[in-house]
């Protein structure tokens, strides 16, 4: 069901704040990857375990998250998710003081767990707040909040924890083991204050959600007409499962195009003072794309056609990034932000349209697909370490991602869908 239009503004503002939090916490990983590689003395492959630990939690915890929401409802569930995220942020304190990578990964996994609950509740909430035809527009508005926070987070955190990291890296070679450990301990401790502040902010937001007037909503199954049989299993919706596949590859492409940018810039020889802004370039491009989506969908173009065309843009920009160098390659990757912008807003409503009573369960399964952000960057990390491939040509895996999304938009999104 859709909430009354007059009553939907307050929930949209609240959910918008939640999407801001999603973005701020999620896109900190772009800064953490090069930071932890130095502080914890990691290989390139090991550094991408940052994204793996964070995004694999969505796969592991999505179904439990849906069970939590069934028991406590959307509102209490979102508040619980924020408390869990705060706990994950606080784990960074002992992780930093002991410089233990596994503790950092544990903190990231717990943050991802909290986000899994929030995402499972918030995304269908936005979809159901109005007509399904304009869901991509509403999710684009949420995306602006998300990506604006994402632009700020690596710049803010980068200014704190990446400051002077170049000098630390150059100076380590000339230090004995004891002095090396002291220098790295000092670098690791830079992360403590930012994450304590993040934890406090998350707790405050959790309390505000509990005290808010955010209403509970329930999705109802659409009425069956004609000779149609009522479907009693989510496996009877093939277009939904193609949506899961498309979302898996989309999230992997998005995470790699953002979280890998700073590290990629450093590999190309850019100074950290310049490279720390590269992930923000991608997110700015995404913001532009969201604005285009808000203006054009569904007034000028359907969310399905937009998804089809933007996935082809993704192929084009990837090819440009792979076959160029320096700023041309960096800016081509940043342009992927524009191509990516419409994908989550379009895939989600196309996948859950008409699911009715299966919406909550479907939402949890779609959240599991966020595991693409765990596996695809990790694959890139492995390929980029191979001499035969390298850091630039390894990005070619994104072509496969965008072609899968194109197939969903062009054909698979209609498989088994009811026509009225």
Protein backbone atom coordinates (compact mmCIF):
# COMPACT_ATOMS: atom_id res chain seq x y z
CA UNK A 1 0.00 0.00 0.00
CA UNK A 2 1.12 3.62 -0.48
CA UNK A 3 1.08 6.05 2.43
CA UNK A 4 -1.13 9.14 2.13
CA UNK A 5 0.77 11.78 0.15
CA UNK A 6 0.48 14.47 2.83
CA UNK A 7 1.76 12.10 5.48
CA UNK A 8 4.66 10.80 3.38
CA UNK A 9 6.88 13.91 3.58
CA UNK A 10 8.07 13.38 7.17
CA UNK A 11 8.95 9.71 6.57
CA UNK A 12 10.86 10.70 3.41
CA UNK A 13 12.90 13.26 5.39
CA UNK A 14 13.69 10.66 8.07
CA UNK A 15 14.61 8.02 5.51
CA UNK A 16 16.70 10.65 3.71
CA UNK A 17 18.72 11.14 6.90
CA UNK A 18 19.21 7.39 7.10
CA UNK A 19 20.48 7.29 3.52
CA UNK A 20 22.91 10.09 4.42
CA UNK A 21 24.22 7.84 7.20
CA UNK A 22 24.42 4.88 4.80
CA UNK A 23 26.58 6.95 2.49
CA UNK A 24 28.86 8.43 5.12
CA UNK A 25 29.70 5.07 6.70
CA UNK A 26 29.78 3.03 3.49
CA UNK A 27 32.11 5.24 1.46
CA UNK A 28 34.64 5.58 4.26
CA UNK A 29 36.01 2.30 2.89
CA UNK A 30 37.66 4.17 -0.01
CA UNK A 31 39.90 5.87 2.56
CA UNK A 32 40.33 2.82 4.79
CA UNK A 33 41.75 0.61 2.01
CA UNK A 34 45.02 2.55 1.45
CA UNK A 35 45.16 3.58 5.12
CA UNK A 36 44.96 0.04 6.50
CA UNK A 37 47.29 -1.29 3.81
CA UNK A 38 50.00 0.93 5.27
CA UNK A 39 49.06 0.78 8.97
CA UNK A 40 48.64 -3.01 9.04
CA UNK A 41 51.29 -3.76 6.38
CA UNK A 42 49.01 -5.55 3.92
CA UNK A 43 49.28 -6.81 0.36
CA UNK A 44 46.99 -5.39 -2.33
CA UNK A 45 44.73 -8.44 -2.14
CA UNK A 46 44.55 -8.27 1.67
CA UNK A 47 43.64 -4.57 1.58
CA UNK A 48 40.48 -5.38 -0.40
CA UNK A 49 39.30 -7.57 2.47
CA UNK A 50 38.01 -4.22 3.78
CA UNK A 51 35.23 -4.27 1.19
CA UNK A 52 34.82 -8.03 1.56
CA UNK A 53 34.24 -7.88 5.33
CA UNK A 54 31.86 -4.94 5.00
CA UNK A 55 29.71 -6.20 2.13
CA UNK A 56 29.70 -9.93 2.86
CA UNK A 57 27.77 -9.08 6.04
CA UNK A 58 24.82 -8.16 3.83
CA UNK A 59 24.76 -11.69 2.42
CA UNK A 60 25.13 -13.35 5.81
CA UNK A 61 22.73 -11.12 7.75
CA UNK A 62 20.03 -10.16 5.22
CA UNK A 63 17.66 -13.07 5.98
CA UNK A 64 18.11 -12.70 9.76
CA UNK A 65 17.46 -8.98 9.23
CA UNK A 66 14.12 -9.73 7.58
CA UNK A 67 13.19 -11.94 10.53
CA UNK A 68 14.07 -9.10 12.90
CA UNK A 69 11.86 -6.71 10.93
CA UNK A 70 8.97 -9.19 10.96
CA UNK A 71 9.18 -9.36 14.76
CA UNK A 72 9.86 -5.74 15.72
CA UNK A 73 8.69 -3.80 12.66
CA UNK A 74 10.46 -1.28 10.43
CA UNK A 75 10.85 1.51 12.97
CA UNK A 76 12.42 -0.45 15.84
CA UNK A 77 14.41 -2.47 13.34
CA UNK A 78 16.02 0.63 11.85
CA UNK A 79 16.88 1.90 15.32
CA UNK A 80 18.44 -1.47 16.18
CA UNK A 81 20.48 -1.32 12.99
CA UNK A 82 21.91 2.05 14.01
CA UNK A 83 22.88 0.73 17.47
CA UNK A 84 24.65 -2.23 15.85
CA UNK A 85 26.53 0.12 13.51
CA UNK A 86 27.65 2.15 16.53
CA UNK A 87 29.04 -1.02 18.12
CA UNK A 88 30.98 -1.79 14.95
CA UNK A 89 32.45 1.73 14.93
CA UNK A 90 33.59 1.37 18.56
CA UNK A 91 35.44 -1.85 17.75
CA UNK A 92 37.82 0.32 15.73
CA UNK A 93 39.17 1.67 19.04
CA UNK A 94 40.79 -1.58 20.30
CA UNK A 95 41.62 -2.48 16.68
CA UNK A 96 43.62 0.75 16.33
CA UNK A 97 45.40 0.52 19.66
CA UNK A 98 46.48 -3.08 18.99
CA UNK A 99 46.90 -2.54 15.21
CA UNK A 100 45.08 -5.83 14.63
CA UNK A 101 43.63 -6.14 11.12
CA UNK A 102 41.17 -8.87 12.04
CA UNK A 103 39.58 -6.51 14.59
CA UNK A 104 39.20 -3.82 11.94
CA UNK A 105 37.51 -6.40 9.72
CA UNK A 106 35.25 -7.47 12.59
CA UNK A 107 34.22 -3.84 13.14
CA UNK A 108 33.47 -3.47 9.42
CA UNK A 109 31.43 -6.70 9.41
CA UNK A 110 29.35 -5.50 12.37
CA UNK A 111 28.79 -2.11 10.72
CA UNK A 112 27.65 -3.94 7.61
CA UNK A 113 25.29 -6.04 9.74
CA UNK A 114 23.61 -2.91 11.07
CA UNK A 115 23.38 -1.51 7.56
CA UNK A 116 21.83 -4.78 6.33
CA UNK A 117 18.93 -4.24 8.75
CA UNK A 118 18.61 -0.59 7.74
CA UNK A 119 18.74 -1.33 4.01
CA UNK A 120 16.23 -4.19 4.30
CA UNK A 121 13.76 -1.77 5.88
CA UNK A 122 14.53 1.53 4.18
CA UNK A 123 14.56 0.55 0.49
CA UNK A 124 11.08 -1.02 0.33
CA UNK A 125 9.88 1.83 2.55
CA UNK A 126 10.88 4.38 -0.10
CA UNK A 127 9.39 2.23 -2.86
CA UNK A 128 6.02 1.90 -1.12
CA UNK A 129 5.81 5.60 -0.14
CA UNK A 130 4.30 6.40 -3.53
CA UNK A 131 3.46 5.02 -6.99
CA UNK A 132 5.75 2.22 -8.21
CA UNK A 133 6.19 4.07 -11.53
CA UNK A 134 8.02 6.93 -9.81
CA UNK A 135 9.94 4.79 -7.31
CA UNK A 136 13.21 5.39 -9.16
CA UNK A 137 12.71 9.14 -8.68
CA UNK A 138 12.22 8.76 -4.90
CA UNK A 139 15.19 6.42 -4.59
CA UNK A 140 17.24 8.92 -6.62
CA UNK A 141 16.41 11.57 -4.01
CA UNK A 142 17.64 9.16 -1.35
CA UNK A 143 20.70 8.55 -3.49
CA UNK A 144 21.54 12.26 -3.46
CA UNK A 145 21.59 12.18 0.34
CA UNK A 146 23.67 8.99 0.22
CA UNK A 147 26.23 10.21 -2.29
CA UNK A 148 26.51 13.72 -0.83
CA UNK A 149 27.54 12.06 2.43
CA UNK A 150 29.85 9.82 0.41
CA UNK A 151 31.55 12.86 -1.12
CA UNK A 152 32.15 14.32 2.32
CA UNK A 153 33.27 11.18 4.17
CA UNK A 154 36.54 10.35 2.33
CA UNK A 155 37.50 14.04 2.26
CA UNK A 156 36.86 14.45 6.01
CA UNK A 157 38.36 11.11 7.08
CA UNK A 158 41.15 11.42 4.53
CA UNK A 159 42.17 14.78 5.97
CA UNK A 160 42.52 13.13 9.39
CA UNK A 161 44.00 9.68 8.77
CA UNK A 162 45.78 10.09 5.43
CA UNK A 163 47.53 13.30 6.41
CA UNK A 164 51.28 12.67 6.26
CA UNK A 165 50.87 9.02 5.19
CA UNK A 166 53.20 9.58 2.23
CA UNK A 167 56.02 10.64 4.56
CA UNK A 168 55.31 7.66 6.81
CA UNK A 169 55.52 5.26 3.85
CA UNK A 170 58.83 6.74 2.66
CA UNK A 171 60.31 6.79 6.16
CA UNK A 172 59.47 3.20 7.08
CA UNK A 173 62.23 1.70 4.95
CA UNK A 174 64.96 3.37 7.00
CA UNK A 175 63.61 2.36 10.42
CA UNK A 176 64.48 -0.62 12.58
CA UNK A 177 61.66 -2.92 13.73
CA UNK A 178 61.02 -1.08 17.01
CA UNK A 179 60.90 2.39 15.44
CA UNK A 180 58.81 1.02 12.56
CA UNK A 181 56.25 -0.37 15.03
CA UNK A 182 56.06 2.97 16.87
CA UNK A 183 55.48 4.89 13.62
CA UNK A 184 52.76 2.48 12.48
CA UNK A 185 51.09 2.49 15.92
CA UNK A 186 50.91 6.27 15.79
CA UNK A 187 49.37 6.10 12.31
CA UNK A 188 46.80 3.48 13.38
CA UNK A 189 45.66 5.56 16.35
CA UNK A 190 44.55 8.38 14.03
CA UNK A 191 41.35 6.48 13.34
CA UNK A 192 40.19 6.38 16.98
CA UNK A 193 38.62 9.84 17.40
CA UNK A 194 36.71 9.85 14.08
CA UNK A 195 35.09 6.50 14.80
CA UNK A 196 34.19 7.44 18.37
CA UNK A 197 32.40 10.51 16.96
CA UNK A 198 30.67 8.32 14.36
CA UNK A 199 29.50 5.91 17.08
CA UNK A 200 28.03 8.76 19.15
CA UNK A 201 26.20 10.18 16.11
CA UNK A 202 24.75 6.74 15.29
CA UNK A 203 23.43 6.30 18.84
CA UNK A 204 21.80 9.75 18.76
CA UNK A 205 20.13 8.92 15.42
CA UNK A 206 18.92 5.56 16.78
CA UNK A 207 17.21 7.31 19.71
CA UNK A 208 15.66 9.92 17.40
CA UNK A 209 14.21 7.16 15.19
CA UNK A 210 12.60 5.53 18.24
CA UNK A 211 11.07 8.85 19.27
CA UNK A 212 9.95 9.78 15.74
CA UNK A 213 6.47 9.53 14.25
CA UNK A 214 7.69 7.20 11.50
CA UNK A 215 4.68 5.00 10.66
CA UNK A 216 4.63 1.25 10.14
CA UNK A 217 3.73 0.12 6.63
CA UNK A 218 2.67 -3.19 5.23
CA UNK A 219 2.78 -4.31 1.61
CA UNK A 220 -0.28 -6.12 0.39
CA UNK A 221 -0.48 -8.56 -2.48
CA UNK A 222 -2.01 -7.16 -5.62
CA UNK A 223 -5.46 -8.58 -6.48
CA UNK A 224 -5.55 -11.51 -8.91
CA UNK A 225 -7.55 -10.91 -12.06
CA UNK A 226 -8.88 -13.13 -14.85
CA UNK A 227 -7.59 -16.69 -14.93
CA UNK A 228 -4.39 -15.92 -13.04
CA UNK A 229 -3.52 -18.24 -10.20
CA UNK A 230 -2.40 -16.65 -6.95
CA UNK A 231 1.33 -17.23 -6.65
CA UNK A 232 2.38 -18.77 -3.36
CA UNK A 233 6.17 -18.77 -3.70
CA UNK A 234 8.75 -16.13 -4.46
CA UNK A 235 10.33 -18.61 -6.88
CA UNK A 236 7.34 -17.99 -9.18
CA UNK A 237 8.69 -14.52 -10.01
CA UNK A 238 11.64 -15.10 -12.43
CA UNK A 239 12.08 -11.37 -13.11
CA UNK A 240 12.79 -10.87 -9.42
CA UNK A 241 15.67 -13.37 -9.44
CA UNK A 242 17.17 -11.69 -12.48
CA UNK A 243 16.91 -8.47 -10.50
CA UNK A 244 18.94 -10.11 -7.73
CA UNK A 245 21.65 -11.06 -10.24
CA UNK A 246 21.66 -7.57 -11.75
CA UNK A 247 21.92 -5.95 -8.32
CA UNK A 248 24.83 -8.24 -7.39
CA UNK A 249 26.84 -7.12 -10.41
CA UNK A 250 25.78 -3.49 -10.04
CA UNK A 251 26.91 -3.22 -6.40
CA UNK A 252 30.21 -4.87 -7.27
CA UNK A 253 30.74 -2.37 -10.08
CA UNK A 254 29.78 0.61 -7.94
CA UNK A 255 31.94 -0.36 -4.98
CA UNK A 256 34.97 -1.04 -7.19
CA UNK A 257 34.55 2.23 -9.09
CA UNK A 258 34.46 4.22 -5.83
CA UNK A 259 36.44 2.33 -3.19
CA UNK A 260 39.28 1.47 -5.55
CA UNK A 261 39.81 5.00 -6.85
CA UNK A 262 42.22 6.34 -4.21
CA UNK A 263 44.36 3.21 -4.27
CA UNK A 264 44.27 3.19 -8.08
CA UNK A 265 45.40 6.82 -8.19
CA UNK A 266 48.34 6.02 -5.92
CA UNK A 267 49.27 3.07 -8.17
CA UNK A 268 49.32 5.42 -11.16
CA UNK A 269 51.77 7.68 -9.32
CA UNK A 270 49.48 10.45 -8.09
CA UNK A 271 50.35 12.11 -4.77
CA UNK A 272 48.08 11.22 -1.83
CA UNK A 273 47.11 14.91 -1.50
CA UNK A 274 45.50 14.62 -4.95
CA UNK A 275 44.44 10.96 -4.95
CA UNK A 276 42.38 11.27 -1.76
CA UNK A 277 39.77 13.24 -3.75
CA UNK A 278 39.37 10.69 -6.56
CA UNK A 279 36.56 8.66 -4.95
CA UNK A 280 34.67 11.92 -4.42
CA UNK A 281 34.90 12.58 -8.18
CA UNK A 282 32.96 9.36 -8.81
CA UNK A 283 30.35 10.25 -6.23
CA UNK A 284 29.92 13.74 -7.68
CA UNK A 285 29.23 12.11 -11.05
CA UNK A 286 26.65 9.93 -9.34
CA UNK A 287 25.00 13.00 -7.87
CA UNK A 288 24.67 14.49 -11.34
CA UNK A 289 23.14 11.23 -12.53
CA UNK A 290 20.63 11.22 -9.68
CA UNK A 291 19.54 14.74 -10.59
CA UNK A 292 19.04 13.61 -14.20
CA UNK A 293 16.97 10.69 -12.91
CA UNK A 294 14.80 12.89 -10.72
CA UNK A 295 14.06 15.26 -13.61
CA UNK A 296 13.54 12.67 -16.34
CA UNK A 297 11.95 9.59 -14.66
CA UNK A 298 9.16 8.79 -15.42
CA UNK A 299 8.21 12.04 -17.19
CA UNK A 300 10.55 11.66 -20.17
CA UNK A 301 11.87 8.11 -19.90
CA UNK A 302 10.83 4.94 -18.06
CA UNK A 303 13.09 3.53 -15.36
CA UNK A 304 13.53 0.39 -17.49
CA UNK A 305 14.83 2.28 -20.55
CA UNK A 306 17.03 4.49 -18.40
CA UNK A 307 18.62 1.39 -16.86
CA UNK A 308 19.26 -0.05 -20.34
CA UNK A 309 20.97 3.08 -21.67
CA UNK A 310 23.00 3.77 -18.53
CA UNK A 311 24.34 0.20 -18.47
CA UNK A 312 25.68 0.77 -22.01
CA UNK A 313 27.30 3.97 -20.75
CA UNK A 314 28.96 1.82 -18.09
CA UNK A 315 30.50 -0.38 -20.78
CA UNK A 316 31.72 2.67 -22.70
CA UNK A 317 33.36 4.39 -19.71
CA UNK A 318 34.97 1.11 -18.58
CA UNK A 319 36.56 0.60 -22.01
CA UNK A 320 37.82 4.20 -21.87
CA UNK A 321 39.34 3.64 -18.41
CA UNK A 322 41.07 0.40 -19.44
CA UNK A 323 42.65 1.79 -22.63
CA UNK A 324 43.83 5.15 -21.27
CA UNK A 325 46.25 6.25 -18.56
CA UNK A 326 46.71 9.03 -16.01
CA UNK A 327 43.90 11.55 -15.55
CA UNK A 328 42.04 10.18 -18.60
CA UNK A 329 41.73 6.79 -16.93
CA UNK A 330 40.85 8.31 -13.54
CA UNK A 331 38.15 10.54 -15.04
CA UNK A 332 36.72 7.66 -17.08
CA UNK A 333 36.34 5.67 -13.87
CA UNK A 334 34.80 8.71 -12.21
CA UNK A 335 32.31 8.93 -15.09
CA UNK A 336 31.13 5.45 -14.10
CA UNK A 337 29.47 7.25 -11.20
CA UNK A 338 27.08 8.86 -13.70
CA UNK A 339 26.36 5.49 -15.35
CA UNK A 340 25.86 3.81 -11.96
CA UNK A 341 23.52 6.47 -10.60
CA UNK A 342 20.32 5.14 -12.12
CA UNK A 343 21.00 1.47 -11.51
CA UNK A 344 20.04 0.94 -7.88
CA UNK A 345 16.99 3.25 -8.19
CA UNK A 346 15.79 1.33 -11.28
CA UNK A 347 16.76 -2.27 -10.49
CA UNK A 348 15.11 -2.29 -7.07
CA UNK A 349 11.55 -1.28 -8.11
CA UNK A 350 11.72 -3.34 -11.33
CA UNK A 351 12.63 -6.37 -9.23
CA UNK A 352 9.99 -6.02 -6.49
CA UNK A 353 7.08 -4.73 -8.58
CA UNK A 354 4.01 -6.89 -8.05
CA UNK A 355 5.52 -9.09 -5.32
CA UNK A 356 2.90 -8.01 -2.77
CA UNK A 357 3.14 -10.10 0.39
CA UNK A 358 6.60 -11.31 -0.67
CA UNK A 359 8.03 -7.77 -0.62
CA UNK A 360 9.80 -8.03 2.75
CA UNK A 361 11.34 -11.40 1.93
CA UNK A 362 12.35 -10.18 -1.52
CA UNK A 363 13.90 -7.09 0.03
CA UNK A 364 16.08 -9.28 2.24
CA UNK A 365 17.21 -11.36 -0.74
CA UNK A 366 18.01 -8.22 -2.73
CA UNK A 367 20.07 -6.97 0.21
CA UNK A 368 21.98 -10.28 0.08
CA UNK A 369 22.93 -9.34 -3.49
CA UNK A 370 24.97 -6.47 -2.03
CA UNK A 371 27.58 -9.21 -1.53
CA UNK A 372 28.66 -8.26 -5.04
CA UNK A 373 30.48 -5.43 -3.30
CA UNK A 374 32.45 -8.04 -1.36
CA UNK A 375 33.45 -10.38 -4.18
CA UNK A 376 33.99 -8.27 -7.30
CA UNK A 377 36.47 -5.79 -5.72
CA UNK A 378 38.28 -8.77 -4.17
CA UNK A 379 38.53 -10.33 -7.64
CA UNK A 380 39.87 -7.03 -8.93
CA UNK A 381 42.43 -6.98 -6.09
CA UNK A 382 43.65 -10.42 -7.14
CA UNK A 383 43.78 -9.62 -10.88
CA UNK A 384 45.46 -6.25 -10.35
CA UNK A 385 48.29 -8.01 -8.53
CA UNK A 386 49.05 -10.20 -11.54
CA UNK A 387 51.87 -8.89 -13.75
CA UNK A 388 50.06 -10.12 -16.85
CA UNK A 389 47.00 -7.98 -16.00
CA UNK A 390 47.89 -4.98 -13.83
CA UNK A 391 45.86 -2.35 -12.01
CA UNK A 392 44.36 -0.77 -15.14
CA UNK A 393 43.41 -3.77 -17.30
CA UNK A 394 41.89 -5.54 -14.27
CA UNK A 395 39.01 -3.04 -14.50
CA UNK A 396 37.85 -4.90 -17.63
CA UNK A 397 35.79 -7.17 -15.33
CA UNK A 398 33.33 -4.28 -15.09
CA UNK A 399 32.30 -4.82 -18.72
CA UNK A 400 30.76 -8.16 -17.69
CA UNK A 401 28.91 -6.45 -14.83
CA UNK A 402 27.30 -3.85 -17.08
CA UNK A 403 26.35 -6.36 -19.77
CA UNK A 404 24.47 -8.43 -17.19
CA UNK A 405 22.62 -5.31 -16.05
CA UNK A 406 21.82 -4.46 -19.69
CA UNK A 407 20.28 -7.92 -20.20
CA UNK A 408 18.08 -7.46 -17.14
CA UNK A 409 16.91 -4.06 -18.36
CA UNK A 410 16.37 -5.13 -21.97
CA UNK A 411 14.67 -8.47 -21.42
CA UNK A 412 14.86 -10.27 -18.08
CA UNK A 413 12.95 -7.63 -16.07
CA UNK A 414 9.78 -8.78 -17.90
CA UNK A 415 10.19 -12.55 -17.38
CA UNK A 416 7.06 -13.79 -15.60
CA UNK A 417 5.78 -10.32 -14.78
CA UNK A 418 2.03 -9.78 -14.75
CA UNK A 419 0.59 -7.58 -17.46
CA UNK A 420 -2.50 -5.55 -16.73
